[in-house]
Protein backbone atom coordinates (compact mmCIF):
# COMPACT_ATOMS: atom_id res chain seq x y z
CA UNK A 1 3.39 -13.95 3.47
CA UNK A 2 6.60 -12.19 2.64
CA UNK A 3 8.25 -15.28 1.14
CA UNK A 4 5.72 -15.21 -1.70
CA UNK A 5 7.48 -12.26 -3.31
CA UNK A 6 11.12 -12.84 -2.32
CA UNK A 7 13.33 -15.48 -0.72
CA UNK A 8 14.02 -15.62 2.98
CA UNK A 9 17.34 -13.87 3.82
CA UNK A 10 20.24 -16.04 4.93
CA UNK A 11 22.34 -15.60 8.11
CA UNK A 12 24.69 -13.00 6.58
CA UNK A 13 21.81 -11.03 5.08
CA UNK A 14 19.96 -11.06 8.43
CA UNK A 15 23.10 -9.81 10.19
CA UNK A 16 23.48 -6.97 7.67
CA UNK A 17 19.80 -6.12 8.06
CA UNK A 18 20.17 -5.93 11.87
CA UNK A 19 23.25 -3.70 11.57
CA UNK A 20 21.50 -1.41 9.06
CA UNK A 21 18.44 -1.26 11.32
CA UNK A 22 20.51 -0.22 14.34
CA UNK A 23 22.44 2.39 12.34
CA UNK A 24 19.21 3.76 10.86
CA UNK A 25 17.54 3.92 14.27
CA UNK A 26 20.49 5.80 15.76
CA UNK A 27 20.45 8.26 12.85
CA UNK A 28 16.70 8.85 13.23
CA UNK A 29 17.01 9.42 16.99
CA UNK A 30 19.89 11.86 16.42
CA UNK A 31 17.82 13.81 13.86
CA UNK A 32 14.84 13.90 16.24
CA UNK A 33 17.01 15.22 19.09
CA UNK A 34 18.48 17.88 16.79
CA UNK A 35 15.01 18.88 15.57
CA UNK A 36 13.65 19.17 19.12
CA UNK A 37 16.59 21.34 20.16
CA UNK A 38 16.05 23.62 17.18
CA UNK A 39 12.31 23.88 17.87
CA UNK A 40 12.98 24.72 21.51
CA UNK A 41 15.58 27.34 20.57
CA UNK A 42 13.07 29.05 18.27
CA UNK A 43 10.17 28.94 20.72
CA UNK A 44 8.17 26.36 18.75
CA UNK A 45 7.62 24.15 21.81
CA UNK A 46 5.86 26.82 23.88
CA UNK A 47 2.54 25.79 25.40
CA UNK A 48 0.75 28.73 23.75
CA UNK A 49 1.62 27.37 20.29
CA UNK A 50 0.20 23.92 21.08
CA UNK A 51 -2.86 25.03 23.06
CA UNK A 52 -5.15 25.29 19.97
CA UNK A 53 -4.75 21.55 19.46
CA UNK A 54 -6.29 20.91 22.86
CA UNK A 55 -9.64 22.09 21.45
CA UNK A 56 -12.25 19.92 19.72
CA UNK A 57 -12.86 22.15 16.64
CA UNK A 58 -9.24 21.66 15.52
CA UNK A 59 -9.46 17.88 15.83
CA UNK A 60 -12.91 17.77 14.24
CA UNK A 61 -11.51 19.51 11.18
CA UNK A 62 -8.51 17.15 10.99
CA UNK A 63 -10.72 14.10 11.51
CA UNK A 64 -12.80 15.31 8.57
CA UNK A 65 -9.63 15.26 6.46
CA UNK A 66 -8.76 11.82 7.84
CA UNK A 67 -12.20 10.52 6.86
CA UNK A 68 -11.69 11.84 3.32
CA UNK A 69 -8.30 10.11 3.23
CA UNK A 70 -9.76 6.78 4.40
CA UNK A 71 -12.66 7.04 1.94
CA UNK A 72 -10.33 7.67 -1.02
CA UNK A 73 -8.04 4.84 0.12
CA UNK A 74 -10.88 2.33 0.54
CA UNK A 75 -12.45 3.08 -2.86
CA UNK A 76 -9.05 3.06 -4.59
CA UNK A 77 -8.10 -0.23 -2.91
CA UNK A 78 -11.40 -1.88 -3.88
CA UNK A 79 -11.02 -0.86 -7.53
CA UNK A 80 -7.31 -1.73 -7.60
CA UNK A 81 -7.86 -5.16 -6.05
CA UNK A 82 -10.65 -6.02 -8.50
CA UNK A 83 -8.53 -4.91 -11.46
CA UNK A 84 -5.44 -6.58 -9.98
CA UNK A 85 -7.21 -9.91 -9.64
CA UNK A 86 -8.39 -9.70 -13.27
CA UNK A 87 -4.84 -8.84 -14.41
CA UNK A 88 -3.35 -11.69 -12.36
CA UNK A 89 -5.77 -14.18 -13.89
CA UNK A 90 -4.98 -12.69 -17.29
CA UNK A 91 -1.25 -13.25 -16.78
CA UNK A 92 -1.96 -16.85 -15.75
CA UNK A 93 -4.33 -17.48 -18.65
CA UNK A 94 -3.70 -20.36 -21.03
CA UNK A 95 -4.37 -18.02 -23.97
CA UNK A 96 -1.46 -15.93 -25.22
CA UNK A 97 -3.70 -13.11 -26.47
CA UNK A 98 -4.93 -12.66 -22.88
CA UNK A 99 -1.54 -13.04 -21.17
CA UNK A 100 0.33 -10.54 -23.32
CA UNK A 101 -1.84 -7.41 -22.72
CA UNK A 102 -2.04 -8.16 -18.99
CA UNK A 103 1.74 -8.53 -18.76
CA UNK A 104 2.33 -5.32 -20.73
CA UNK A 105 -0.05 -3.37 -18.45
CA UNK A 106 1.62 -4.64 -15.27
CA UNK A 107 5.19 -4.09 -16.46
CA UNK A 108 4.49 -0.60 -17.85
CA UNK A 109 2.32 0.77 -15.04
CA UNK A 110 4.72 -0.46 -12.35
CA UNK A 111 7.39 1.85 -13.80
CA UNK A 112 5.15 4.94 -13.94
CA UNK A 113 4.98 7.13 -10.80
CA UNK A 114 1.50 7.60 -9.35
CA UNK A 115 2.07 11.36 -9.38
CA UNK A 116 2.46 11.29 -13.18
CA UNK A 117 -0.88 9.49 -13.48
CA UNK A 118 -2.47 12.15 -11.26
CA UNK A 119 -1.17 14.84 -13.63
CA UNK A 120 -2.55 12.92 -16.62
CA UNK A 121 -6.02 12.82 -15.06
CA UNK A 122 -5.76 16.43 -13.88
CA UNK A 123 -4.42 18.11 -17.03
CA UNK A 124 -4.50 15.73 -20.02
CA UNK A 125 -7.96 14.16 -19.82
CA UNK A 126 -9.90 17.48 -19.56
CA UNK A 127 -8.39 18.50 -22.93
CA UNK A 128 -10.21 15.54 -24.48
CA UNK A 129 -13.50 16.36 -22.77
CA UNK A 130 -13.13 14.01 -19.81
CA UNK A 131 -13.13 16.16 -16.67
CA UNK A 132 -13.66 13.88 -13.69
CA UNK A 133 -15.09 15.03 -10.34
CA UNK A 134 -12.51 16.02 -7.73
CA UNK A 135 -12.79 12.77 -5.77
CA UNK A 136 -12.19 10.62 -8.85
CA UNK A 137 -9.22 12.72 -9.97
CA UNK A 138 -7.42 11.17 -7.02
CA UNK A 139 -9.05 7.73 -6.89
CA UNK A 140 -8.68 6.78 -10.57
CA UNK A 141 -4.87 7.26 -10.85
CA UNK A 142 -4.33 5.53 -7.51
CA UNK A 143 -6.45 2.58 -8.62
CA UNK A 144 -4.68 2.38 -11.99
CA UNK A 145 -1.26 2.50 -10.33
CA UNK A 146 -1.94 0.03 -7.53
CA UNK A 147 -3.77 -2.45 -9.76
CA UNK A 148 -0.39 -3.54 -11.14
CA UNK A 149 1.01 -4.11 -7.64
CA UNK A 150 -2.06 -6.06 -6.52
CA UNK A 151 -1.85 -8.12 -9.73
CA UNK A 152 1.64 -9.31 -8.83
CA UNK A 153 0.56 -10.07 -5.26
CA UNK A 154 -2.39 -12.19 -6.44
CA UNK A 155 -0.26 -13.91 -9.09
CA UNK A 156 2.37 -14.79 -6.50
CA UNK A 157 -0.36 -16.19 -4.26
CA UNK A 158 -1.77 -18.38 -7.04
CA UNK A 159 1.69 -19.66 -7.97
CA UNK A 160 2.38 -20.49 -4.32
CA UNK A 161 -0.49 -23.00 -4.21
CA UNK A 162 0.81 -26.51 -4.71
CA UNK A 163 0.34 -27.84 -8.25
CA UNK A 164 -1.29 -30.94 -6.86
CA UNK A 165 -4.32 -28.86 -5.85
CA UNK A 166 -5.01 -27.92 -9.48
CA UNK A 167 -4.30 -31.44 -10.69
CA UNK A 168 -6.75 -32.84 -8.14
CA UNK A 169 -9.48 -30.48 -9.32
CA UNK A 170 -8.90 -31.39 -12.96
CA UNK A 171 -8.82 -35.07 -12.05
CA UNK A 172 -12.36 -34.96 -10.60
CA UNK A 173 -13.73 -33.36 -13.77
CA UNK A 174 -13.56 -29.63 -13.01
CA UNK A 175 -12.60 -27.22 -15.76
CA UNK A 176 -9.55 -24.99 -15.47
CA UNK A 177 -11.76 -22.01 -14.56
CA UNK A 178 -13.71 -23.97 -11.94
CA UNK A 179 -10.49 -25.28 -10.41
CA UNK A 180 -9.09 -21.78 -10.20
CA UNK A 181 -12.29 -20.32 -8.73
CA UNK A 182 -13.20 -23.10 -6.26
CA UNK A 183 -9.83 -24.50 -5.18
CA UNK A 184 -6.84 -22.28 -5.99
CA UNK A 185 -8.12 -18.73 -5.44
CA UNK A 186 -9.52 -19.28 -1.91
CA UNK A 187 -6.17 -20.66 -0.76
CA UNK A 188 -4.21 -17.95 -2.56
CA UNK A 189 -6.37 -15.20 -1.03
CA UNK A 190 -5.62 -16.41 2.50
CA UNK A 191 -1.90 -16.55 1.79
CA UNK A 192 -1.61 -13.07 0.30
CA UNK A 193 -3.81 -11.31 2.87
CA UNK A 194 -0.83 -9.84 4.81
CA UNK A 195 0.71 -8.57 1.56
CA UNK A 196 -2.62 -7.01 0.57
CA UNK A 197 -2.77 -5.13 3.88
CA UNK A 198 0.84 -3.96 3.46
CA UNK A 199 0.12 -2.69 -0.06
CA UNK A 200 -2.98 -0.93 1.29
CA UNK A 201 -0.74 0.94 3.75
CA UNK A 202 1.25 2.31 0.82
CA UNK A 203 -1.96 3.21 -0.98
CA UNK A 204 -3.19 5.10 2.09
CA UNK A 205 0.01 7.15 2.09
CA UNK A 206 -0.38 7.81 -1.63
CA UNK A 207 -3.69 9.57 -0.94
CA UNK A 208 -1.56 12.52 0.14
CA UNK A 209 -1.29 13.18 -3.63
CA UNK A 210 -4.77 14.66 -3.20
CA UNK A 211 -2.77 17.73 -2.22
CA UNK A 212 -2.07 18.17 -5.95
CA UNK A 213 -5.73 18.09 -7.03
CA UNK A 214 -6.95 20.11 -4.00
CA UNK A 215 -8.91 17.15 -2.64
CA UNK A 216 -9.60 17.75 1.07
CA UNK A 217 -7.68 14.77 2.42
CA UNK A 218 -5.63 14.91 5.62
CA UNK A 219 -2.50 16.61 4.26
CA UNK A 220 -4.47 19.22 2.31
CA UNK A 221 -6.64 19.86 5.38
CA UNK A 222 -3.46 20.38 7.39
CA UNK A 223 -2.24 22.92 4.84
CA UNK A 224 -5.51 24.87 5.02
CA UNK A 225 -5.46 24.75 8.83
CA UNK A 226 -1.83 25.94 9.00
CA UNK A 227 -2.66 28.84 6.68
CA UNK A 228 -5.57 29.78 8.92
CA UNK A 229 -3.89 29.61 12.34
CA UNK A 230 -0.27 30.33 11.33
CA UNK A 231 0.99 27.27 13.25
CA UNK A 232 2.83 25.60 10.37
CA UNK A 233 5.23 23.35 12.29
CA UNK A 234 2.70 22.32 14.94
CA UNK A 235 0.03 21.50 12.37
CA UNK A 236 2.26 19.32 10.22
CA UNK A 237 3.63 17.52 13.27
CA UNK A 238 0.08 16.67 14.34
CA UNK A 239 -0.76 15.51 10.80
CA UNK A 240 2.40 13.37 10.74
CA UNK A 241 1.45 11.78 14.08
CA UNK A 242 -2.01 10.92 12.73
CA UNK A 243 -0.47 9.30 9.65
CA UNK A 244 1.98 7.44 11.91
CA UNK A 245 -0.77 6.04 14.15
CA UNK A 246 -2.97 4.91 11.26
CA UNK A 247 -0.17 3.36 9.19
CA UNK A 248 1.46 1.72 12.22
CA UNK A 249 -1.89 0.15 13.12
CA UNK A 250 -2.30 -1.25 9.61
CA UNK A 251 1.30 -2.49 9.58
CA UNK A 252 0.72 -4.21 12.92
CA UNK A 253 -2.37 -5.86 11.44
CA UNK A 254 -0.31 -7.10 8.48
CA UNK A 255 2.35 -8.57 10.81
CA UNK A 256 -0.34 -10.25 12.92
CA UNK A 257 -1.95 -11.80 9.86
CA UNK A 258 1.44 -12.94 8.59
CA UNK A 259 2.29 -14.55 11.96
CA UNK A 260 -0.97 -16.49 11.85
CA UNK A 261 -0.27 -17.89 8.40
CA UNK A 262 0.81 -21.54 8.39
CA UNK A 263 4.40 -21.97 7.33
CA UNK A 264 4.86 -23.77 4.05
CA UNK A 265 7.20 -26.69 4.45
CA UNK A 266 9.72 -26.99 1.71
CA UNK A 267 10.63 -30.54 0.68
CA UNK A 268 14.09 -31.57 1.79
CA UNK A 269 16.47 -32.92 -0.77
CA UNK A 270 17.71 -36.42 -0.11
CA UNK A 271 21.33 -37.09 -0.74
CA UNK A 272 21.90 -39.92 -3.13
CA UNK A 273 23.73 -42.81 -1.58
CA UNK A 274 26.94 -43.78 -3.18
């Protein structure tokens, strides 16, 4: 649910968003037309340059890179969600000594680029004797970076649950932890599911940082393939189309889940009678 993290735009904001969307779409179409004309002028659209991608070995190699991308994204998302849930509960804890470290982690890590964390794992940790396997050199920084984002998503979901739910649990004799685990968290998880999928889309795109650590994800596989066959433009266009299909499918899933979420009714203010 998008309104968990920010307010719904008003009529003027929606009008500005529509205008910006139209202008952006026109600019993108103009750039695509210009790019196609340039490719055609330089012979990049010839059938002989695209024919290798009508063969199964090319696609099998790229699908291998796609599988590595999905595997890294799934493992990173699982670790980041588990850590994010713990951080969210830490920020909502009644104990100050638990809230403060969780808040510091979230606020600091959210300002650090994921690429910088990749460089830390790649260059800094081996100097102190911690040289991770290639797969984990990508997964660990992605999990560390996205844990902060998932923490804010989970925290927003918990805060969106009506206070009466917690009060009802406490009233029947449940502890604060039992109320959170049995009543609040199940409702919060359903509400933030679209946001979790949207964040996972960003995480999937971040796996392209595997290019830095030479992990054989989709972008790195495309680089190796382009070096082998000399079809640089064609290879990267195919890789971009694969990314587009996968991310568009996940974004569509997030929109579908969001559309199925029940709308929260906000209480209307009654005007006091004079």
